[in-house]
Amino acid sequence: WNQGYDAVTLVENITPWRDSRGYKANPFYHTSKDTVDKINLNLVTKVARLALTVLYNLASRDSVFLPTKPLITFDSPPTVNQSPFKITGRILSPFPLKIAIKPQNLIADIDRVNRVYSALTPLRNGTNHIKIIASDAIQTNTFEQQIEYRPDFEWISTLVYPNPSYKDLVTFRAESNRPVNNMQVAVHQVDGTLVRQINGVASQPNSKIWWAWWNRKITYGIEVATAVYICKFEVKSDNKIHTRHEKLIVIRE
């Protein structure tokens, strides 16, 4: 104070070893029996927060207010196609921070130099409600955001059976990771000549699995010859066409 610096001294305003109004005496004060099990940790926490608040205001010459809640941003896009996805954002707090990601119960990594946080977060298909909880020594701030997880289309499986086919009805089955609103199977000879085109039907209520059946006949009801055929699966998902090919062996008995 004599040198013109703001300062504060933290001391007890009541003698600790005497009972007084609002203060329970500690008879072990400044003795060898004053061990950690006798500490009022709740009071210690409050005093520590008070001290940090005062220090913050002494260090912030331009501010006469108590520190605001820790500031956090959410810099990830609203729609992503990867899971797990790295959630990122910026942070601003004069105190050390802890950032939790809910409902995944993750603790974010914090780069204190660049004031950013990140957390590799698993997402489920569709809308994910993300809650970010930033806590410092004084206060807690909560930020909520939605992320739409929409993975790129992927084939899970395409099946043609029985294969080889001797006389049975041929079954086509396609499964993908995204909903499909249409499927067709085109059967071609190896030279590319179209033999038959079959419309598929969706498994209800799962539109990610589609079926089609073929009686091994061309359009005019004539059974196809013994040969190897190329089966082209074509599906439409999110207004995009996706194709995949499988081989089928037909043997006439």
C-alpha atoms as a PDB file:
ATOM      1  CA  TRP A   1       0.000   0.000   0.000  1.00  0.00           C
ATOM      2  CA  ASN A   2       2.807   2.396   0.876  1.00  0.00           C
ATOM      3  CA  GLN A   3       4.235   1.906  -2.631  1.00  0.00           C
ATOM      4  CA  GLY A   4       0.923   2.537  -4.384  1.00  0.00           C
ATOM      5  CA  TYR A   5      -0.010  -1.096  -5.126  1.00  0.00           C
ATOM      6  CA  ASP A   6      -3.469  -2.459  -4.420  1.00  0.00           C
ATOM      7  CA  ALA A   7      -3.230  -5.255  -1.884  1.00  0.00           C
ATOM      8  CA  VAL A   8      -5.289  -7.243   0.581  1.00  0.00           C
ATOM      9  CA  THR A   9      -4.471  -9.300   3.650  1.00  0.00           C
ATOM     10  CA  LEU A  10      -6.594 -12.315   4.491  1.00  0.00           C
ATOM     11  CA  VAL A  11      -6.761 -12.972   8.247  1.00  0.00           C
ATOM     12  CA  GLU A  12      -9.272 -14.211  10.794  1.00  0.00           C
ATOM     13  CA  ASN A  13     -11.376 -11.432  12.269  1.00  0.00           C
ATOM     14  CA  ILE A  14     -12.235 -13.616  15.265  1.00  0.00           C
ATOM     15  CA  THR A  15      -9.823 -15.501  17.476  1.00  0.00           C
ATOM     16  CA  PRO A  16     -10.017 -19.083  16.128  1.00  0.00           C
ATOM     17  CA  TRP A  17      -9.648 -20.806  19.474  1.00  0.00           C
ATOM     18  CA  ARG A  18     -12.647 -19.115  21.083  1.00  0.00           C
ATOM     19  CA  ASP A  19     -16.319 -19.745  20.445  1.00  0.00           C
ATOM     20  CA  SER A  20     -18.113 -16.717  19.088  1.00  0.00           C
ATOM     21  CA  ARG A  21     -21.203 -15.794  17.121  1.00  0.00           C
ATOM     22  CA  GLY A  22     -21.235 -17.721  13.843  1.00  0.00           C
ATOM     23  CA  TYR A  23     -17.839 -19.277  14.480  1.00  0.00           C
ATOM     24  CA  LYS A  24     -17.118 -22.638  16.065  1.00  0.00           C
ATOM     25  CA  ALA A  25     -13.825 -22.647  17.906  1.00  0.00           C
ATOM     26  CA  ASN A  26     -10.945 -24.886  16.907  1.00  0.00           C
ATOM     27  CA  PRO A  27      -9.279 -25.880  20.183  1.00  0.00           C
ATOM     28  CA  PHE A  28      -6.437 -27.524  18.251  1.00  0.00           C
ATOM     29  CA  TYR A  29      -5.443 -24.293  16.477  1.00  0.00           C
ATOM     30  CA  HIS A  30      -1.635 -24.008  16.154  1.00  0.00           C
ATOM     31  CA  THR A  31      -1.029 -27.330  17.881  1.00  0.00           C
ATOM     32  CA  SER A  32       0.282 -30.671  16.689  1.00  0.00           C
ATOM     33  CA  LYS A  33      -3.268 -32.017  16.853  1.00  0.00           C
ATOM     34  CA  ASP A  34      -4.523 -29.555  14.227  1.00  0.00           C
ATOM     35  CA  THR A  35      -4.621 -32.228  11.494  1.00  0.00           C
ATOM     36  CA  VAL A  36      -6.352 -32.365   8.110  1.00  0.00           C
ATOM     37  CA  ASP A  37      -9.351 -34.296   9.430  1.00  0.00           C
ATOM     38  CA  LYS A  38     -10.307 -31.238  11.491  1.00  0.00           C
ATOM     39  CA  ILE A  39     -10.332 -28.835   8.544  1.00  0.00           C
ATOM     40  CA  ASN A  40     -13.648 -27.388   7.412  1.00  0.00           C
ATOM     41  CA  LEU A  41     -13.138 -28.031   3.696  1.00  0.00           C
ATOM     42  CA  ASN A  42     -16.371 -26.276   2.759  1.00  0.00           C
ATOM     43  CA  LEU A  43     -15.112 -23.106   4.436  1.00  0.00           C
ATOM     44  CA  VAL A  44     -11.692 -23.518   2.811  1.00  0.00           C
ATOM     45  CA  THR A  45     -13.364 -23.704  -0.617  1.00  0.00           C
ATOM     46  CA  LYS A  46     -15.361 -20.526   0.002  1.00  0.00           C
ATOM     47  CA  VAL A  47     -12.309 -18.643   1.260  1.00  0.00           C
ATOM     48  CA  ALA A  48     -10.232 -19.805  -1.729  1.00  0.00           C
ATOM     49  CA  ARG A  49     -12.911 -18.594  -4.146  1.00  0.00           C
ATOM     50  CA  LEU A  50     -13.096 -15.284  -2.337  1.00  0.00           C
ATOM     51  CA  ALA A  51      -9.319 -14.891  -2.527  1.00  0.00           C
ATOM     52  CA  LEU A  52      -9.264 -15.692  -6.261  1.00  0.00           C
ATOM     53  CA  THR A  53     -12.048 -13.206  -6.920  1.00  0.00           C
ATOM     54  CA  VAL A  54     -10.187 -10.460  -5.084  1.00  0.00           C
ATOM     55  CA  LEU A  55      -6.932 -11.263  -6.892  1.00  0.00           C
ATOM     56  CA  TYR A  56      -8.711 -11.179 -10.229  1.00  0.00           C
ATOM     57  CA  ASN A  57     -10.127  -7.739  -9.542  1.00  0.00           C
ATOM     58  CA  LEU A  58      -6.804  -6.422  -8.283  1.00  0.00           C
ATOM     59  CA  ALA A  59      -5.120  -7.661 -11.453  1.00  0.00           C
ATOM     60  CA  SER A  60      -7.870  -6.282 -13.719  1.00  0.00           C
ATOM     61  CA  ARG A  61      -7.259  -2.555 -13.498  1.00  0.00           C
ATOM     62  CA  ASP A  62      -9.976  -1.789 -16.049  1.00  0.00           C
ATOM     63  CA  SER A  63     -12.692  -3.723 -14.254  1.00  0.00           C
ATOM     64  CA  VAL A  64     -14.427  -3.046 -10.975  1.00  0.00           C
ATOM     65  CA  PHE A  65     -16.823  -5.967 -11.354  1.00  0.00           C
ATOM     66  CA  LEU A  66     -16.626  -9.557 -10.290  1.00  0.00           C
ATOM     67  CA  PRO A  67     -15.493 -11.933 -13.063  1.00  0.00           C
ATOM     68  CA  THR A  68     -18.188 -13.136 -15.422  1.00  0.00           C
ATOM     69  CA  LYS A  69     -18.872 -16.787 -16.055  1.00  0.00           C
ATOM     70  CA  PRO A  70     -16.243 -18.559 -18.164  1.00  0.00           C
ATOM     71  CA  LEU A  71     -16.888 -17.774 -21.814  1.00  0.00           C
ATOM     72  CA  ILE A  72     -17.087 -20.703 -24.235  1.00  0.00           C
ATOM     73  CA  THR A  73     -17.931 -21.037 -27.908  1.00  0.00           C
ATOM     74  CA  PHE A  74     -18.948 -23.986 -30.045  1.00  0.00           C
ATOM     75  CA  ASP A  75     -17.089 -23.889 -33.351  1.00  0.00           C
ATOM     76  CA  SER A  76     -18.159 -27.235 -34.841  1.00  0.00           C
ATOM     77  CA  PRO A  77     -20.494 -27.366 -37.877  1.00  0.00           C
ATOM     78  CA  PRO A  78     -24.190 -28.196 -37.327  1.00  0.00           C
ATOM     79  CA  THR A  79     -24.026 -31.269 -39.602  1.00  0.00           C
ATOM     80  CA  VAL A  80     -21.199 -33.810 -39.662  1.00  0.00           C
ATOM     81  CA  ASN A  81     -20.584 -37.165 -41.351  1.00  0.00           C
ATOM     82  CA  GLN A  82     -18.035 -38.670 -38.954  1.00  0.00           C
ATOM     83  CA  SER A  83     -18.303 -40.358 -35.584  1.00  0.00           C
ATOM     84  CA  PRO A  84     -16.543 -39.937 -33.269  1.00  0.00           C
ATOM     85  CA  PHE A  85     -16.240 -36.253 -34.147  1.00  0.00           C
ATOM     86  CA  LYS A  86     -13.833 -33.740 -32.608  1.00  0.00           C
ATOM     87  CA  ILE A  87     -15.875 -30.976 -30.986  1.00  0.00           C
ATOM     88  CA  THR A  88     -13.904 -27.738 -30.683  1.00  0.00           C
ATOM     89  CA  GLY A  89     -14.389 -24.232 -29.353  1.00  0.00           C
ATOM     90  CA  ARG A  90     -12.746 -21.257 -27.709  1.00  0.00           C
ATOM     91  CA  ILE A  91     -12.555 -20.464 -24.017  1.00  0.00           C
ATOM     92  CA  LEU A  92     -11.972 -17.340 -21.960  1.00  0.00           C
ATOM     93  CA  SER A  93     -11.509 -17.392 -18.209  1.00  0.00           C
ATOM     94  CA  PRO A  94      -8.898 -15.955 -15.846  1.00  0.00           C
ATOM     95  CA  PHE A  95      -8.857 -19.233 -13.925  1.00  0.00           C
ATOM     96  CA  PRO A  96      -8.060 -22.854 -14.761  1.00  0.00           C
ATOM     97  CA  LEU A  97     -11.026 -24.520 -16.433  1.00  0.00           C
ATOM     98  CA  LYS A  98     -12.607 -27.932 -16.525  1.00  0.00           C
ATOM     99  CA  ILE A  99     -14.895 -28.633 -19.486  1.00  0.00           C
ATOM    100  CA  ALA A 100     -17.285 -31.576 -19.476  1.00  0.00           C
ATOM    101  CA  ILE A 101     -19.212 -32.862 -22.511  1.00  0.00           C
ATOM    102  CA  LYS A 102     -22.657 -34.330 -21.839  1.00  0.00           C
ATOM    103  CA  PRO A 103     -24.342 -36.771 -22.243  1.00  0.00           C
ATOM    104  CA  GLN A 104     -21.162 -38.612 -23.260  1.00  0.00           C
ATOM    105  CA  ASN A 105     -19.517 -37.746 -19.894  1.00  0.00           C
ATOM    106  CA  LEU A 106     -16.250 -36.691 -21.509  1.00  0.00           C
ATOM    107  CA  ILE A 107     -13.626 -34.278 -20.202  1.00  0.00           C
ATOM    108  CA  ALA A 108     -12.311 -31.999 -22.943  1.00  0.00           C
ATOM    109  CA  ASP A 109      -8.640 -31.389 -23.665  1.00  0.00           C
ATOM    110  CA  ILE A 110      -7.720 -27.747 -23.074  1.00  0.00           C
ATOM    111  CA  ASP A 111      -4.994 -25.784 -24.843  1.00  0.00           C
ATOM    112  CA  ARG A 112      -4.487 -22.942 -22.377  1.00  0.00           C
ATOM    113  CA  VAL A 113      -1.963 -21.149 -24.579  1.00  0.00           C
ATOM    114  CA  ASN A 114      -4.315 -20.830 -27.558  1.00  0.00           C
ATOM    115  CA  ARG A 115      -7.446 -20.806 -25.372  1.00  0.00           C
ATOM    116  CA  VAL A 116      -9.232 -23.622 -27.171  1.00  0.00           C
ATOM    117  CA  TYR A 117     -10.767 -26.918 -26.115  1.00  0.00           C
ATOM    118  CA  SER A 118     -11.493 -30.142 -27.984  1.00  0.00           C
ATOM    119  CA  ALA A 119     -13.126 -33.488 -27.303  1.00  0.00           C
ATOM    120  CA  LEU A 120     -13.438 -36.543 -29.553  1.00  0.00           C
ATOM    121  CA  THR A 121     -17.151 -37.225 -29.138  1.00  0.00           C
ATOM    122  CA  PRO A 122     -19.106 -40.284 -30.326  1.00  0.00           C
ATOM    123  CA  LEU A 123     -22.373 -39.416 -32.053  1.00  0.00           C
ATOM    124  CA  ARG A 124     -25.476 -41.402 -32.911  1.00  0.00           C
ATOM    125  CA  ASN A 125     -27.393 -41.173 -36.170  1.00  0.00           C
ATOM    126  CA  GLY A 126     -29.657 -38.153 -36.340  1.00  0.00           C
ATOM    127  CA  THR A 127     -29.809 -35.183 -33.987  1.00  0.00           C
ATOM    128  CA  ASN A 128     -27.438 -35.142 -31.013  1.00  0.00           C
ATOM    129  CA  HIS A 129     -28.044 -32.741 -28.126  1.00  0.00           C
ATOM    130  CA  ILE A 130     -24.649 -31.710 -26.770  1.00  0.00           C
ATOM    131  CA  LYS A 131     -24.202 -29.902 -23.456  1.00  0.00           C
ATOM    132  CA  ILE A 132     -20.858 -28.271 -22.672  1.00  0.00           C
ATOM    133  CA  ILE A 133     -20.229 -27.406 -19.031  1.00  0.00           C
ATOM    134  CA  ALA A 134     -17.285 -25.097 -18.277  1.00  0.00           C
ATOM    135  CA  SER A 135     -16.337 -24.683 -14.620  1.00  0.00           C
ATOM    136  CA  ASP A 136     -13.624 -22.529 -13.103  1.00  0.00           C
ATOM    137  CA  ALA A 137     -12.812 -21.713  -9.499  1.00  0.00           C
ATOM    138  CA  ILE A 138     -15.647 -19.200  -9.267  1.00  0.00           C
ATOM    139  CA  GLN A 139     -18.547 -20.063 -11.537  1.00  0.00           C
ATOM    140  CA  THR A 140     -19.977 -22.502 -14.062  1.00  0.00           C
ATOM    141  CA  ASN A 141     -21.304 -21.808 -17.535  1.00  0.00           C
ATOM    142  CA  THR A 142     -23.375 -24.190 -19.646  1.00  0.00           C
ATOM    143  CA  PHE A 143     -23.670 -24.129 -23.421  1.00  0.00           C
ATOM    144  CA  GLU A 144     -26.033 -26.343 -25.422  1.00  0.00           C
ATOM    145  CA  GLN A 145     -25.837 -27.153 -29.109  1.00  0.00           C
ATOM    146  CA  GLN A 146     -27.291 -29.642 -31.573  1.00  0.00           C
ATOM    147  CA  ILE A 147     -25.212 -31.660 -34.028  1.00  0.00           C
ATOM    148  CA  GLU A 148     -26.801 -33.604 -36.849  1.00  0.00           C
ATOM    149  CA  TYR A 149     -24.821 -36.755 -37.535  1.00  0.00           C
ATOM    150  CA  ARG A 150     -25.451 -37.825 -41.113  1.00  0.00           C
ATOM    151  CA  PRO A 151     -22.842 -40.360 -42.216  1.00  0.00           C
ATOM    152  CA  ASP A 152     -21.926 -40.754 -45.869  1.00  0.00           C
ATOM    153  CA  PHE A 153     -23.710 -43.597 -47.637  1.00  0.00           C
ATOM    154  CA  GLU A 154     -22.062 -46.991 -47.241  1.00  0.00           C
ATOM    155  CA  TRP A 155     -23.075 -50.435 -48.376  1.00  0.00           C
ATOM    156  CA  ILE A 156     -23.256 -52.884 -45.499  1.00  0.00           C
ATOM    157  CA  SER A 157     -23.993 -55.907 -47.672  1.00  0.00           C
ATOM    158  CA  THR A 158     -25.442 -57.025 -51.008  1.00  0.00           C
ATOM    159  CA  LEU A 159     -26.455 -60.667 -51.259  1.00  0.00           C
ATOM    160  CA  VAL A 160     -27.614 -62.890 -54.119  1.00  0.00           C
ATOM    161  CA  TYR A 161     -28.752 -66.398 -53.163  1.00  0.00           C
ATOM    162  CA  PRO A 162     -28.896 -69.262 -53.735  1.00  0.00           C
ATOM    163  CA  ASN A 163     -25.739 -68.935 -55.764  1.00  0.00           C
ATOM    164  CA  PRO A 164     -25.322 -71.006 -57.911  1.00  0.00           C
ATOM    165  CA  SER A 165     -29.040 -71.135 -58.648  1.00  0.00           C
ATOM    166  CA  TYR A 166     -30.345 -74.425 -60.068  1.00  0.00           C
ATOM    167  CA  LYS A 167     -34.115 -73.977 -60.048  1.00  0.00           C
ATOM    168  CA  ASP A 168     -35.000 -71.891 -57.014  1.00  0.00           C
ATOM    169  CA  LEU A 169     -36.271 -68.349 -56.883  1.00  0.00           C
ATOM    170  CA  VAL A 170     -33.313 -65.954 -56.703  1.00  0.00           C
ATOM    171  CA  THR A 171     -33.341 -63.550 -53.758  1.00  0.00           C
ATOM    172  CA  PHE A 172     -31.577 -60.192 -53.713  1.00  0.00           C
ATOM    173  CA  ARG A 173     -30.929 -58.398 -50.443  1.00  0.00           C
ATOM    174  CA  ALA A 174     -29.249 -55.013 -49.941  1.00  0.00           C
ATOM    175  CA  GLU A 175     -28.436 -53.261 -46.680  1.00  0.00           C
ATOM    176  CA  SER A 176     -26.905 -49.823 -46.144  1.00  0.00           C
ATOM    177  CA  ASN A 177     -26.148 -47.452 -43.286  1.00  0.00           C
ATOM    178  CA  ARG A 178     -28.528 -44.776 -44.615  1.00  0.00           C
ATOM    179  CA  PRO A 179     -32.265 -44.923 -45.368  1.00  0.00           C
ATOM    180  CA  VAL A 180     -33.057 -45.835 -48.981  1.00  0.00           C
ATOM    181  CA  ASN A 181     -36.193 -44.736 -50.822  1.00  0.00           C
ATOM    182  CA  ASN A 182     -35.858 -46.897 -53.936  1.00  0.00           C
ATOM    183  CA  MET A 183     -34.000 -49.996 -55.169  1.00  0.00           C
ATOM    184  CA  GLN A 184     -33.756 -51.766 -58.506  1.00  0.00           C
ATOM    185  CA  VAL A 185     -31.772 -54.829 -59.516  1.00  0.00           C
ATOM    186  CA  ALA A 186     -30.738 -55.138 -63.154  1.00  0.00           C
ATOM    187  CA  VAL A 187     -29.580 -58.568 -64.346  1.00  0.00           C
ATOM    188  CA  HIS A 188     -27.161 -58.437 -67.289  1.00  0.00           C
ATOM    189  CA  GLN A 189     -25.317 -60.923 -69.411  1.00  0.00           C
ATOM    190  CA  VAL A 190     -21.535 -60.607 -69.215  1.00  0.00           C
ATOM    191  CA  ASP A 191     -21.571 -58.688 -72.524  1.00  0.00           C
ATOM    192  CA  GLY A 192     -23.803 -56.029 -70.937  1.00  0.00           C
ATOM    193  CA  THR A 193     -27.119 -57.106 -72.468  1.00  0.00           C
ATOM    194  CA  LEU A 194     -30.002 -56.426 -70.087  1.00  0.00           C
ATOM    195  CA  VAL A 195     -31.865 -59.615 -69.168  1.00  0.00           C
ATOM    196  CA  ARG A 196     -34.327 -58.444 -66.521  1.00  0.00           C
ATOM    197  CA  GLN A 197     -34.901 -55.449 -64.271  1.00  0.00           C
ATOM    198  CA  ILE A 198     -36.601 -56.023 -60.917  1.00  0.00           C
ATOM    199  CA  ASN A 199     -38.041 -53.463 -58.517  1.00  0.00           C
ATOM    200  CA  GLY A 200     -37.227 -53.926 -54.853  1.00  0.00           C
ATOM    201  CA  VAL A 201     -39.313 -53.557 -51.707  1.00  0.00           C
ATOM    202  CA  ALA A 202     -38.219 -52.203 -48.335  1.00  0.00           C
ATOM    203  CA  SER A 203     -38.275 -54.110 -45.085  1.00  0.00           C
ATOM    204  CA  GLN A 204     -40.829 -52.405 -42.894  1.00  0.00           C
ATOM    205  CA  PRO A 205     -40.197 -50.292 -40.929  1.00  0.00           C
ATOM    206  CA  ASN A 206     -36.458 -50.431 -41.731  1.00  0.00           C
ATOM    207  CA  SER A 207     -35.821 -48.628 -45.019  1.00  0.00           C
ATOM    208  CA  LYS A 208     -32.116 -49.484 -44.843  1.00  0.00           C
ATOM    209  CA  ILE A 209     -32.819 -53.085 -45.931  1.00  0.00           C
ATOM    210  CA  TRP A 210     -34.355 -53.861 -49.321  1.00  0.00           C
ATOM    211  CA  TRP A 211     -35.377 -57.091 -51.048  1.00  0.00           C
ATOM    212  CA  ALA A 212     -36.083 -58.267 -54.594  1.00  0.00           C
ATOM    213  CA  TRP A 213     -36.862 -61.661 -56.162  1.00  0.00           C
ATOM    214  CA  TRP A 214     -36.354 -63.140 -59.620  1.00  0.00           C
ATOM    215  CA  ASN A 215     -37.852 -66.288 -61.139  1.00  0.00           C
ATOM    216  CA  ARG A 216     -34.871 -66.653 -63.542  1.00  0.00           C
ATOM    217  CA  LYS A 217     -36.998 -65.685 -66.532  1.00  0.00           C
ATOM    218  CA  ILE A 218     -36.766 -62.852 -69.025  1.00  0.00           C
ATOM    219  CA  THR A 219     -39.651 -60.460 -69.577  1.00  0.00           C
ATOM    220  CA  TYR A 220     -41.471 -62.845 -71.933  1.00  0.00           C
ATOM    221  CA  GLY A 221     -41.491 -65.734 -69.441  1.00  0.00           C
ATOM    222  CA  ILE A 222     -38.647 -67.702 -71.009  1.00  0.00           C
ATOM    223  CA  GLU A 223     -36.124 -69.142 -68.557  1.00  0.00           C
ATOM    224  CA  VAL A 224     -32.592 -67.877 -68.976  1.00  0.00           C
ATOM    225  CA  ALA A 225     -29.763 -70.110 -70.127  1.00  0.00           C
ATOM    226  CA  THR A 226     -26.991 -71.552 -68.004  1.00  0.00           C
ATOM    227  CA  ALA A 227     -24.471 -68.748 -67.638  1.00  0.00           C
ATOM    228  CA  VAL A 228     -22.823 -66.218 -65.384  1.00  0.00           C
ATOM    229  CA  TYR A 229     -24.884 -63.058 -64.910  1.00  0.00           C
ATOM    230  CA  ILE A 230     -24.003 -59.649 -63.510  1.00  0.00           C
ATOM    231  CA  CYS A 231     -26.506 -58.262 -60.999  1.00  0.00           C
ATOM    232  CA  LYS A 232     -26.444 -54.495 -60.602  1.00  0.00           C
ATOM    233  CA  PHE A 233     -27.923 -53.138 -57.367  1.00  0.00           C
ATOM    234  CA  GLU A 234     -29.020 -49.520 -57.691  1.00  0.00           C
ATOM    235  CA  VAL A 235     -30.422 -47.569 -54.738  1.00  0.00           C
ATOM    236  CA  LYS A 236     -31.385 -43.960 -54.158  1.00  0.00           C
ATOM    237  CA  SER A 237     -30.536 -42.342 -50.830  1.00  0.00           C
ATOM    238  CA  ASP A 238     -30.562 -38.626 -49.977  1.00  0.00           C
ATOM    239  CA  ASN A 239     -31.233 -37.887 -53.673  1.00  0.00           C
ATOM    240  CA  LYS A 240     -28.051 -39.683 -54.726  1.00  0.00           C
ATOM    241  CA  ILE A 241     -27.716 -42.891 -56.745  1.00  0.00           C
ATOM    242  CA  HIS A 242     -25.436 -45.665 -55.474  1.00  0.00           C
ATOM    243  CA  THR A 243     -24.625 -48.879 -57.340  1.00  0.00           C
ATOM    244  CA  ARG A 244     -22.959 -52.181 -56.603  1.00  0.00           C
ATOM    245  CA  HIS A 245     -22.438 -55.356 -58.641  1.00  0.00           C
ATOM    246  CA  GLU A 246     -22.613 -59.033 -57.746  1.00  0.00           C
ATOM    247  CA  LYS A 247     -22.159 -62.194 -59.838  1.00  0.00           C
ATOM    248  CA  LEU A 248     -24.817 -64.879 -60.167  1.00  0.00           C
ATOM    249  CA  ILE A 249     -24.371 -68.341 -61.644  1.00  0.00           C
ATOM    250  CA  VAL A 250     -27.514 -69.872 -63.157  1.00  0.00           C
ATOM    251  CA  ILE A 251     -27.498 -73.587 -63.990  1.00  0.00           C
ATOM    252  CA  ARG A 252     -30.412 -75.163 -65.850  1.00  0.00           C
ATOM    253  CA  GLU A 253     -30.959 -78.798 -65.015  1.00  0.00           C
END
